[in-house]
Amino acid sequence: MPIQDELLTITKENNTCKKRTEQFNYGLCYTYICSEYRKYPLCKFQLKAKHSSDGTYQLYSSEFYDHQQRNTTTRLPSPIREDIIKLSDNGIVPSQINKVMK
């Protein structure tokens, strides 16, 4: 497996997305951040991959996932969503919920 494919596999396993690509004297540096950074603004997880001219990568990780506090939303609450939650709390299965909502 080529080195770049391994890097992509690692970034997918860690649920990250590319934030920045920088050019330095030694080569390229890719910065990846948590894919859910918009939902969880306190999440500071990062991966850095330094690609040197000989084709190798050095991988660094920093911080940790912090998904304790979700970002506030401007969306209005959905009354349908509340109804579905109530129905599922009462033990109704999804196929029955679909019939009720139609």
PDB file of N, CA and C in Angstrom:
ATOM      1  N   MET A   1       0.853  -1.180   0.000  1.00  0.00           N
ATOM      2  CA  MET A   1       0.000   0.000   0.000  1.00  0.00           C
ATOM      3  C   MET A   1       0.897   1.242   0.000  1.00  0.00           C
ATOM      4  N   PRO A   2       0.708   2.147  -0.926  1.00  0.00           N
ATOM      5  CA  PRO A   2       1.521   3.362  -0.947  1.00  0.00           C
ATOM      6  C   PRO A   2       1.340   4.193   0.322  1.00  0.00           C
ATOM      7  N   ILE A   3       2.342   4.977   0.620  1.00  0.00           N
ATOM      8  CA  ILE A   3       2.350   5.760   1.850  1.00  0.00           C
ATOM      9  C   ILE A   3       1.184   6.742   1.894  1.00  0.00           C
ATOM     10  N   GLN A   4       0.849   7.365   0.778  1.00  0.00           N
ATOM     11  CA  GLN A   4      -0.237   8.338   0.765  1.00  0.00           C
ATOM     12  C   GLN A   4      -1.581   7.664   1.055  1.00  0.00           C
ATOM     13  N   ASP A   5      -1.771   6.438   0.580  1.00  0.00           N
ATOM     14  CA  ASP A   5      -2.999   5.699   0.885  1.00  0.00           C
ATOM     15  C   ASP A   5      -3.090   5.386   2.373  1.00  0.00           C
ATOM     16  N   GLU A   6      -1.956   5.064   2.983  1.00  0.00           N
ATOM     17  CA  GLU A   6      -1.928   4.819   4.427  1.00  0.00           C
ATOM     18  C   GLU A   6      -2.319   6.079   5.185  1.00  0.00           C
ATOM     19  N   LEU A   7      -1.835   7.224   4.728  1.00  0.00           N
ATOM     20  CA  LEU A   7      -2.176   8.492   5.369  1.00  0.00           C
ATOM     21  C   LEU A   7      -3.676   8.754   5.278  1.00  0.00           C
ATOM     22  N   LEU A   8      -4.260   8.513   4.114  1.00  0.00           N
ATOM     23  CA  LEU A   8      -5.703   8.708   3.957  1.00  0.00           C
ATOM     24  C   LEU A   8      -6.491   7.763   4.856  1.00  0.00           C
ATOM     25  N   THR A   9      -6.020   6.542   4.997  1.00  0.00           N
ATOM     26  CA  THR A   9      -6.681   5.580   5.877  1.00  0.00           C
ATOM     27  C   THR A   9      -6.645   6.060   7.322  1.00  0.00           C
ATOM     28  N   ILE A  10      -5.506   6.561   7.757  1.00  0.00           N
ATOM     29  CA  ILE A  10      -5.365   7.053   9.131  1.00  0.00           C
ATOM     30  C   ILE A  10      -6.266   8.256   9.373  1.00  0.00           C
ATOM     31  N   THR A  11      -6.341   9.156   8.407  1.00  0.00           N
ATOM     32  CA  THR A  11      -7.194  10.335   8.596  1.00  0.00           C
ATOM     33  C   THR A  11      -8.666   9.950   8.646  1.00  0.00           C
ATOM     34  N   LYS A  12      -9.079   8.958   7.869  1.00  0.00           N
ATOM     35  CA  LYS A  12     -10.476   8.499   7.918  1.00  0.00           C
ATOM     36  C   LYS A  12     -10.772   7.792   9.233  1.00  0.00           C
ATOM     37  N   GLU A  13      -9.818   6.995   9.715  1.00  0.00           N
ATOM     38  CA  GLU A  13     -10.007   6.287  10.985  1.00  0.00           C
ATOM     39  C   GLU A  13     -10.153   7.266  12.144  1.00  0.00           C
ATOM     40  N   ASN A  14      -9.468   8.403  12.060  1.00  0.00           N
ATOM     41  CA  ASN A  14      -9.517   9.398  13.124  1.00  0.00           C
ATOM     42  C   ASN A  14     -10.603  10.443  12.914  1.00  0.00           C
ATOM     43  N   ASN A  15     -11.427  10.275  11.879  1.00  0.00           N
ATOM     44  CA  ASN A  15     -12.544  11.183  11.599  1.00  0.00           C
ATOM     45  C   ASN A  15     -12.056  12.629  11.476  1.00  0.00           C
ATOM     46  N   THR A  16     -11.102  12.841  10.578  1.00  0.00           N
ATOM     47  CA  THR A  16     -10.548  14.175  10.379  1.00  0.00           C
ATOM     48  C   THR A  16     -10.749  14.628   8.938  1.00  0.00           C
ATOM     49  N   CYS A  17     -10.611  15.932   8.742  1.00  0.00           N
ATOM     50  CA  CYS A  17     -10.675  16.512   7.398  1.00  0.00           C
ATOM     51  C   CYS A  17      -9.499  17.475   7.247  1.00  0.00           C
ATOM     52  N   LYS A  18      -9.082  17.705   6.013  1.00  0.00           N
ATOM     53  CA  LYS A  18      -7.915  18.550   5.768  1.00  0.00           C
ATOM     54  C   LYS A  18      -8.260  20.011   6.017  1.00  0.00           C
ATOM     55  N   LYS A  19      -7.434  20.664   6.818  1.00  0.00           N
ATOM     56  CA  LYS A  19      -7.634  22.083   7.121  1.00  0.00           C
ATOM     57  C   LYS A  19      -6.682  22.947   6.307  1.00  0.00           C
ATOM     58  N   ARG A  20      -5.432  22.532   6.221  1.00  0.00           N
ATOM     59  CA  ARG A  20      -4.425  23.410   5.612  1.00  0.00           C
ATOM     60  C   ARG A  20      -3.305  22.583   4.999  1.00  0.00           C
ATOM     61  N   THR A  21      -2.728  23.119   3.928  1.00  0.00           N
ATOM     62  CA  THR A  21      -1.524  22.569   3.314  1.00  0.00           C
ATOM     63  C   THR A  21      -0.509  23.697   3.240  1.00  0.00           C
ATOM     64  N   GLU A  22       0.677  23.452   3.788  1.00  0.00           N
ATOM     65  CA  GLU A  22       1.716  24.489   3.811  1.00  0.00           C
ATOM     66  C   GLU A  22       2.992  23.954   3.168  1.00  0.00           C
ATOM     67  N   GLN A  23       3.692  24.828   2.481  1.00  0.00           N
ATOM     68  CA  GLN A  23       4.969  24.479   1.858  1.00  0.00           C
ATOM     69  C   GLN A  23       6.099  25.010   2.738  1.00  0.00           C
ATOM     70  N   PHE A  24       7.018  24.123   3.131  1.00  0.00           N
ATOM     71  CA  PHE A  24       8.188  24.505   3.911  1.00  0.00           C
ATOM     72  C   PHE A  24       9.443  24.059   3.172  1.00  0.00           C
ATOM     73  N   ASN A  25      10.617  24.404   3.720  1.00  0.00           N
ATOM     74  CA  ASN A  25      11.885  24.025   3.095  1.00  0.00           C
ATOM     75  C   ASN A  25      12.039  22.509   2.989  1.00  0.00           C
ATOM     76  N   TYR A  26      11.569  21.778   3.995  1.00  0.00           N
ATOM     77  CA  TYR A  26      11.727  20.325   4.010  1.00  0.00           C
ATOM     78  C   TYR A  26      10.657  19.603   3.196  1.00  0.00           C
ATOM     79  N   GLY A  27       9.590  20.300   2.821  1.00  0.00           N
ATOM     80  CA  GLY A  27       8.512  19.673   2.049  1.00  0.00           C
ATOM     81  C   GLY A  27       7.154  20.228   2.445  1.00  0.00           C
ATOM     82  N   LEU A  28       6.126  19.440   2.237  1.00  0.00           N
ATOM     83  CA  LEU A  28       4.759  19.858   2.531  1.00  0.00           C
ATOM     84  C   LEU A  28       4.344  19.433   3.934  1.00  0.00           C
ATOM     85  N   CYS A  29       3.460  20.229   4.531  1.00  0.00           N
ATOM     86  CA  CYS A  29       2.886  19.898   5.828  1.00  0.00           C
ATOM     87  C   CYS A  29       1.368  19.986   5.699  1.00  0.00           C
ATOM     88  N   TYR A  30       0.689  18.874   5.976  1.00  0.00           N
ATOM     89  CA  TYR A  30      -0.768  18.826   5.921  1.00  0.00           C
ATOM     90  C   TYR A  30      -1.307  18.849   7.344  1.00  0.00           C
ATOM     91  N   THR A  31      -2.299  19.686   7.591  1.00  0.00           N
ATOM     92  CA  THR A  31      -2.943  19.743   8.896  1.00  0.00           C
ATOM     93  C   THR A  31      -4.370  19.245   8.751  1.00  0.00           C
ATOM     94  N   TYR A  32      -4.739  18.291   9.594  1.00  0.00           N
ATOM     95  CA  TYR A  32      -6.085  17.721   9.610  1.00  0.00           C
ATOM     96  C   TYR A  32      -6.720  18.021  10.964  1.00  0.00           C
ATOM     97  N   ILE A  33      -8.011  18.358  10.961  1.00  0.00           N
ATOM     98  CA  ILE A  33      -8.728  18.621  12.205  1.00  0.00           C
ATOM     99  C   ILE A  33      -9.946  17.705  12.283  1.00  0.00           C
ATOM    100  N   CYS A  34     -10.564  17.667  13.440  1.00  0.00           N
ATOM    101  CA  CYS A  34     -11.748  16.837  13.656  1.00  0.00           C
ATOM    102  C   CYS A  34     -12.835  17.233  12.662  1.00  0.00           C
ATOM    103  N   SER A  35     -13.471  16.252  12.045  1.00  0.00           N
ATOM    104  CA  SER A  35     -14.510  16.523  11.047  1.00  0.00           C
ATOM    105  C   SER A  35     -15.749  17.174  11.644  1.00  0.00           C
ATOM    106  N   GLU A  36     -15.913  17.065  12.942  1.00  0.00           N
ATOM    107  CA  GLU A  36     -17.096  17.618  13.593  1.00  0.00           C
ATOM    108  C   GLU A  36     -16.778  18.914  14.334  1.00  0.00           C
ATOM    109  N   TYR A  37     -15.794  19.663  13.854  1.00  0.00           N
ATOM    110  CA  TYR A  37     -15.370  20.879  14.544  1.00  0.00           C
ATOM    111  C   TYR A  37     -16.455  21.951  14.573  1.00  0.00           C
ATOM    112  N   ARG A  38     -17.387  21.927  13.630  1.00  0.00           N
ATOM    113  CA  ARG A  38     -18.464  22.925  13.647  1.00  0.00           C
ATOM    114  C   ARG A  38     -19.496  22.606  14.717  1.00  0.00           C
ATOM    115  N   LYS A  39     -19.766  21.332  14.912  1.00  0.00           N
ATOM    116  CA  LYS A  39     -20.718  20.934  15.952  1.00  0.00           C
ATOM    117  C   LYS A  39     -20.119  21.107  17.338  1.00  0.00           C
ATOM    118  N   TYR A  40     -18.825  20.810  17.462  1.00  0.00           N
ATOM    119  CA  TYR A  40     -18.149  20.826  18.756  1.00  0.00           C
ATOM    120  C   TYR A  40     -16.959  21.785  18.692  1.00  0.00           C
ATOM    121  N   PRO A  41     -17.180  23.068  18.960  1.00  0.00           N
ATOM    122  CA  PRO A  41     -16.104  24.055  18.793  1.00  0.00           C
ATOM    123  C   PRO A  41     -14.949  23.887  19.780  1.00  0.00           C
ATOM    124  N   LEU A  42     -15.157  23.161  20.873  1.00  0.00           N
ATOM    125  CA  LEU A  42     -14.079  22.967  21.838  1.00  0.00           C
ATOM    126  C   LEU A  42     -13.156  21.811  21.466  1.00  0.00           C
ATOM    127  N   CYS A  43     -13.490  21.075  20.428  1.00  0.00           N
ATOM    128  CA  CYS A  43     -12.660  19.951  20.001  1.00  0.00           C
ATOM    129  C   CYS A  43     -11.413  20.488  19.289  1.00  0.00           C
ATOM    130  N   LYS A  44     -10.257  20.196  19.848  1.00  0.00           N
ATOM    131  CA  LYS A  44      -8.991  20.713  19.307  1.00  0.00           C
ATOM    132  C   LYS A  44      -8.110  19.617  18.720  1.00  0.00           C
ATOM    133  N   PHE A  45      -8.688  18.449  18.429  1.00  0.00           N
ATOM    134  CA  PHE A  45      -7.890  17.343  17.905  1.00  0.00           C
ATOM    135  C   PHE A  45      -7.303  17.712  16.545  1.00  0.00           C
ATOM    136  N   GLN A  46      -6.007  17.432  16.367  1.00  0.00           N
ATOM    137  CA  GLN A  46      -5.320  17.704  15.104  1.00  0.00           C
ATOM    138  C   GLN A  46      -4.359  16.574  14.768  1.00  0.00           C
ATOM    139  N   LEU A  47      -4.217  16.333  13.491  1.00  0.00           N
ATOM    140  CA  LEU A  47      -3.158  15.474  12.962  1.00  0.00           C
ATOM    141  C   LEU A  47      -2.324  16.330  12.028  1.00  0.00           C
ATOM    142  N   LYS A  48      -1.006  16.197  12.113  1.00  0.00           N
ATOM    143  CA  LYS A  48      -0.113  16.881  11.174  1.00  0.00           C
ATOM    144  C   LYS A  48       0.712  15.822  10.478  1.00  0.00           C
ATOM    145  N   ALA A  49       0.769  15.925   9.176  1.00  0.00           N
ATOM    146  CA  ALA A  49       1.569  15.003   8.376  1.00  0.00           C
ATOM    147  C   ALA A  49       2.600  15.829   7.624  1.00  0.00           C
ATOM    148  N   LYS A  50       3.863  15.574   7.927  1.00  0.00           N
ATOM    149  CA  LYS A  50       4.950  16.278   7.248  1.00  0.00           C
ATOM    150  C   LYS A  50       5.497  15.366   6.163  1.00  0.00           C
ATOM    151  N   HIS A  51       5.386  15.831   4.924  1.00  0.00           N
ATOM    152  CA  HIS A  51       5.809  15.062   3.758  1.00  0.00           C
ATOM    153  C   HIS A  51       7.170  15.584   3.331  1.00  0.00           C
ATOM    154  N   SER A  52       8.195  14.785   3.501  1.00  0.00           N
ATOM    155  CA  SER A  52       9.540  15.225   3.139  1.00  0.00           C
ATOM    156  C   SER A  52       9.837  14.894   1.680  1.00  0.00           C
ATOM    157  N   SER A  53      10.935  15.436   1.193  1.00  0.00           N
ATOM    158  CA  SER A  53      11.280  15.296  -0.225  1.00  0.00           C
ATOM    159  C   SER A  53      11.603  13.851  -0.618  1.00  0.00           C
ATOM    160  N   ASP A  54      11.954  13.000   0.352  1.00  0.00           N
ATOM    161  CA  ASP A  54      12.247  11.603   0.021  1.00  0.00           C
ATOM    162  C   ASP A  54      10.988  10.735  -0.059  1.00  0.00           C
ATOM    163  N   GLY A  55       9.814  11.350   0.113  1.00  0.00           N
ATOM    164  CA  GLY A  55       8.551  10.636  -0.051  1.00  0.00           C
ATOM    165  C   GLY A  55       7.978  10.039   1.220  1.00  0.00           C
ATOM    166  N   THR A  56       8.644  10.266   2.350  1.00  0.00           N
ATOM    167  CA  THR A  56       8.139   9.718   3.614  1.00  0.00           C
ATOM    168  C   THR A  56       7.286  10.754   4.342  1.00  0.00           C
ATOM    169  N   TYR A  57       6.449  10.251   5.240  1.00  0.00           N
ATOM    170  CA  TYR A  57       5.590  11.107   6.056  1.00  0.00           C
ATOM    171  C   TYR A  57       5.949  10.927   7.521  1.00  0.00           C
ATOM    172  N   GLN A  58       5.927  12.031   8.255  1.00  0.00           N
ATOM    173  CA  GLN A  58       6.003  11.975   9.708  1.00  0.00           C
ATOM    174  C   GLN A  58       4.643  12.437  10.205  1.00  0.00           C
ATOM    175  N   LEU A  59       4.031  11.645  11.071  1.00  0.00           N
ATOM    176  CA  LEU A  59       2.679  11.926  11.524  1.00  0.00           C
ATOM    177  C   LEU A  59       2.696  12.300  12.998  1.00  0.00           C
ATOM    178  N   TYR A  60       2.051  13.416  13.334  1.00  0.00           N
ATOM    179  CA  TYR A  60       1.962  13.899  14.703  1.00  0.00           C
ATOM    180  C   TYR A  60       0.497  14.134  15.045  1.00  0.00           C
ATOM    181  N   SER A  61       0.124  13.822  16.270  1.00  0.00           N
ATOM    182  CA  SER A  61      -1.232  14.156  16.717  1.00  0.00           C
ATOM    183  C   SER A  61      -1.116  15.030  17.952  1.00  0.00           C
ATOM    184  N   SER A  62      -2.100  15.905  18.125  1.00  0.00           N
ATOM    185  CA  SER A  62      -2.080  16.796  19.272  1.00  0.00           C
ATOM    186  C   SER A  62      -3.475  16.923  19.850  1.00  0.00           C
ATOM    187  N   GLU A  63      -3.519  17.303  21.099  1.00  0.00           N
ATOM    188  CA  GLU A  63      -4.773  17.506  21.826  1.00  0.00           C
ATOM    189  C   GLU A  63      -5.577  16.212  21.887  1.00  0.00           C
ATOM    190  N   PHE A  64      -6.870  16.336  22.061  1.00  0.00           N
ATOM    191  CA  PHE A  64      -7.753  15.181  22.172  1.00  0.00           C
ATOM    192  C   PHE A  64      -9.147  15.599  21.737  1.00  0.00           C
ATOM    193  N   TYR A  65      -9.994  14.611  21.499  1.00  0.00           N
ATOM    194  CA  TYR A  65     -11.371  14.906  21.118  1.00  0.00           C
ATOM    195  C   TYR A  65     -12.116  15.435  22.338  1.00  0.00           C
ATOM    196  N   ASP A  66     -12.859  16.511  22.164  1.00  0.00           N
ATOM    197  CA  ASP A  66     -13.676  17.063  23.246  1.00  0.00           C
ATOM    198  C   ASP A  66     -15.066  17.324  22.678  1.00  0.00           C
ATOM    199  N   HIS A  67     -15.934  16.332  22.788  1.00  0.00           N
ATOM    200  CA  HIS A  67     -17.286  16.451  22.258  1.00  0.00           C
ATOM    201  C   HIS A  67     -18.300  16.569  23.390  1.00  0.00           C
ATOM    202  N   GLN A  68     -17.888  17.213  24.488  1.00  0.00           N
ATOM    203  CA  GLN A  68     -18.782  17.366  25.635  1.00  0.00           C
ATOM    204  C   GLN A  68     -19.804  18.474  25.428  1.00  0.00           C
ATOM    205  N   GLN A  69     -19.382  19.563  24.806  1.00  0.00           N
ATOM    206  CA  GLN A  69     -20.277  20.715  24.652  1.00  0.00           C
ATOM    207  C   GLN A  69     -20.549  20.950  23.175  1.00  0.00           C
ATOM    208  N   ARG A  70     -21.803  20.822  22.799  1.00  0.00           N
ATOM    209  CA  ARG A  70     -22.199  21.016  21.411  1.00  0.00           C
ATOM    210  C   ARG A  70     -22.464  22.493  21.161  1.00  0.00           C
ATOM    211  N   ASN A  71     -22.157  22.945  19.969  1.00  0.00           N
ATOM    212  CA  ASN A  71     -22.381  24.329  19.575  1.00  0.00           C
ATOM    213  C   ASN A  71     -23.882  24.621  19.528  1.00  0.00           C
ATOM    214  N   THR A  72     -24.252  25.836  19.866  1.00  0.00           N
ATOM    215  CA  THR A  72     -25.659  26.215  19.796  1.00  0.00           C
ATOM    216  C   THR A  72     -26.082  26.329  18.341  1.00  0.00           C
ATOM    217  N   THR A  73     -27.345  26.119  18.091  1.00  0.00           N
ATOM    218  CA  THR A  73     -27.855  26.159  16.730  1.00  0.00           C
ATOM    219  C   THR A  73     -28.911  27.245  16.601  1.00  0.00           C
ATOM    220  N   THR A  74     -29.068  27.748  15.394  1.00  0.00           N
ATOM    221  CA  THR A  74     -30.084  28.771  15.147  1.00  0.00           C
ATOM    222  C   THR A  74     -31.345  28.157  14.554  1.00  0.00           C
ATOM    223  N   ARG A  75     -31.319  26.845  14.325  1.00  0.00           N
ATOM    224  CA  ARG A  75     -32.493  26.173  13.770  1.00  0.00           C
ATOM    225  C   ARG A  75     -33.601  26.114  14.805  1.00  0.00           C
ATOM    226  N   LEU A  76     -34.819  26.297  14.337  1.00  0.00           N
ATOM    227  CA  LEU A  76     -35.964  26.146  15.218  1.00  0.00           C
ATOM    228  C   LEU A  76     -36.183  24.668  15.512  1.00  0.00           C
ATOM    229  N   PRO A  77     -36.653  24.354  16.712  1.00  0.00           N
ATOM    230  CA  PRO A  77     -36.921  22.954  17.006  1.00  0.00           C
ATOM    231  C   PRO A  77     -38.030  22.408  16.111  1.00  0.00           C
ATOM    232  N   SER A  78     -37.876  21.196  15.693  1.00  0.00           N
ATOM    233  CA  SER A  78     -38.845  20.572  14.801  1.00  0.00           C
ATOM    234  C   SER A  78     -39.923  19.861  15.616  1.00  0.00           C
ATOM    235  N   PRO A  79     -41.188  20.247  15.438  1.00  0.00           N
ATOM    236  CA  PRO A  79     -42.250  19.549  16.178  1.00  0.00           C
ATOM    237  C   PRO A  79     -42.383  18.091  15.738  1.00  0.00           C
ATOM    238  N   ILE A  80     -42.071  17.806  14.491  1.00  0.00           N
ATOM    239  CA  ILE A  80     -42.141  16.422  14.007  1.00  0.00           C
ATOM    240  C   ILE A  80     -41.076  15.580  14.699  1.00  0.00           C
ATOM    241  N   ARG A  81     -39.876  16.136  14.857  1.00  0.00           N
ATOM    242  CA  ARG A  81     -38.805  15.417  15.526  1.00  0.00           C
ATOM    243  C   ARG A  81     -39.202  15.090  16.963  1.00  0.00           C
ATOM    244  N   GLU A  82     -39.848  16.045  17.640  1.00  0.00           N
ATOM    245  CA  GLU A  82     -40.291  15.810  19.017  1.00  0.00           C
ATOM    246  C   GLU A  82     -41.318  14.682  19.064  1.00  0.00           C
ATOM    247  N   ASP A  83     -42.235  14.647  18.081  1.00  0.00           N
ATOM    248  CA  ASP A  83     -43.239  13.581  18.026  1.00  0.00           C
ATOM    249  C   ASP A  83     -42.577  12.221  17.829  1.00  0.00           C
ATOM    250  N   ILE A  84     -41.579  12.170  16.967  1.00  0.00           N
ATOM    251  CA  ILE A  84     -40.881  10.907  16.710  1.00  0.00           C
ATOM    252  C   ILE A  84     -40.159  10.434  17.967  1.00  0.00           C
ATOM    253  N   ILE A  85     -39.541  11.352  18.695  1.00  0.00           N
ATOM    254  CA  ILE A  85     -38.855  10.988  19.941  1.00  0.00           C
ATOM    255  C   ILE A  85     -39.854  10.435  20.946  1.00  0.00           C
ATOM    256  N   LYS A  86     -41.011  11.080  21.066  1.00  0.00           N
ATOM    257  CA  LYS A  86     -42.042  10.595  21.996  1.00  0.00           C
ATOM    258  C   LYS A  86     -42.520   9.202  21.602  1.00  0.00           C
ATOM    259  N   LEU A  87     -42.745   8.993  20.304  1.00  0.00           N
ATOM    260  CA  LEU A  87     -43.208   7.686  19.843  1.00  0.00           C
ATOM    261  C   LEU A  87     -42.166   6.597  20.096  1.00  0.00           C
ATOM    262  N   SER A  88     -40.906   6.898  19.828  1.00  0.00           N
ATOM    263  CA  SER A  88     -39.865   5.888  20.034  1.00  0.00           C
ATOM    264  C   SER A  88     -39.648   5.616  21.518  1.00  0.00           C
ATOM    265  N   ASP A  89     -39.849   6.628  22.370  1.00  0.00           N
ATOM    266  CA  ASP A  89     -39.739   6.417  23.814  1.00  0.00           C
ATOM    267  C   ASP A  89     -40.842   5.501  24.329  1.00  0.00           C
ATOM    268  N   ASN A  90     -41.972   5.483  23.629  1.00  0.00           N
ATOM    269  CA  ASN A  90     -43.088   4.621  24.024  1.00  0.00           C
ATOM    270  C   ASN A  90     -42.969   3.213  23.454  1.00  0.00           C
ATOM    271  N   GLY A  91     -41.872   2.916  22.768  1.00  0.00           N
ATOM    272  CA  GLY A  91     -41.613   1.565  22.294  1.00  0.00           C
ATOM    273  C   GLY A  91     -42.130   1.258  20.907  1.00  0.00           C
ATOM    274  N   ILE A  92     -42.511   2.265  20.155  1.00  0.00           N
ATOM    275  CA  ILE A  92     -43.005   2.038  18.802  1.00  0.00           C
ATOM    276  C   ILE A  92     -41.802   1.895  17.868  1.00  0.00           C
ATOM    277  N   VAL A  93     -41.840   0.895  17.008  1.00  0.00           N
ATOM    278  CA  VAL A  93     -40.723   0.613  16.103  1.00  0.00           C
ATOM    279  C   VAL A  93     -40.771   1.555  14.901  1.00  0.00           C
ATOM    280  N   PRO A  94     -39.632   1.746  14.206  1.00  0.00           N
ATOM    281  CA  PRO A  94     -39.577   2.702  13.080  1.00  0.00           C
ATOM    282  C   PRO A  94     -40.616   2.467  11.989  1.00  0.00           C
ATOM    283  N   SER A  95     -40.928   1.207  11.680  1.00  0.00           N
ATOM    284  CA  SER A  95     -41.926   0.969  10.624  1.00  0.00           C
ATOM    285  C   SER A  95     -43.304   1.480  11.042  1.00  0.00           C
ATOM    286  N   GLN A  96     -43.626   1.364  12.327  1.00  0.00           N
ATOM    287  CA  GLN A  96     -44.900   1.887  12.824  1.00  0.00           C
ATOM    288  C   GLN A  96     -44.887   3.414  12.841  1.00  0.00           C
ATOM    289  N   ILE A  97     -43.750   3.999  13.181  1.00  0.00           N
ATOM    290  CA  ILE A  97     -43.632   5.464  13.189  1.00  0.00           C
ATOM    291  C   ILE A  97     -43.841   5.999  11.779  1.00  0.00           C
ATOM    292  N   ASN A  98     -43.267   5.323  10.772  1.00  0.00           N
ATOM    293  CA  ASN A  98     -43.447   5.758   9.377  1.00  0.00           C
ATOM    294  C   ASN A  98     -44.914   5.759   8.982  1.00  0.00           C
ATOM    295  N   LYS A  99     -45.658   4.740   9.397  1.00  0.00           N
ATOM    296  CA  LYS A  99     -47.083   4.669   9.074  1.00  0.00           C
ATOM    297  C   LYS A  99     -47.855   5.797   9.750  1.00  0.00           C
ATOM    298  N   VAL A 100     -47.498   6.122  10.990  1.00  0.00           N
ATOM    299  CA  VAL A 100     -48.182   7.188  11.730  1.00  0.00           C
ATOM    300  C   VAL A 100     -47.910   8.545  11.096  1.00  0.00           C
ATOM    301  N   MET A 101     -46.683   8.767  10.615  1.00  0.00           N
ATOM    302  CA  MET A 101     -46.294  10.076  10.084  1.00  0.00           C
ATOM    303  C   MET A 101     -46.820  10.329   8.677  1.00  0.00           C
ATOM    304  N   LYS A 102     -47.259   9.295   7.968  1.00  0.00           N
ATOM    305  CA  LYS A 102     -47.738   9.491   6.584  1.00  0.00           C
ATOM    306  C   LYS A 102     -49.127  10.013   6.532  1.00  0.00           C
TER     307      LYS A 102
END
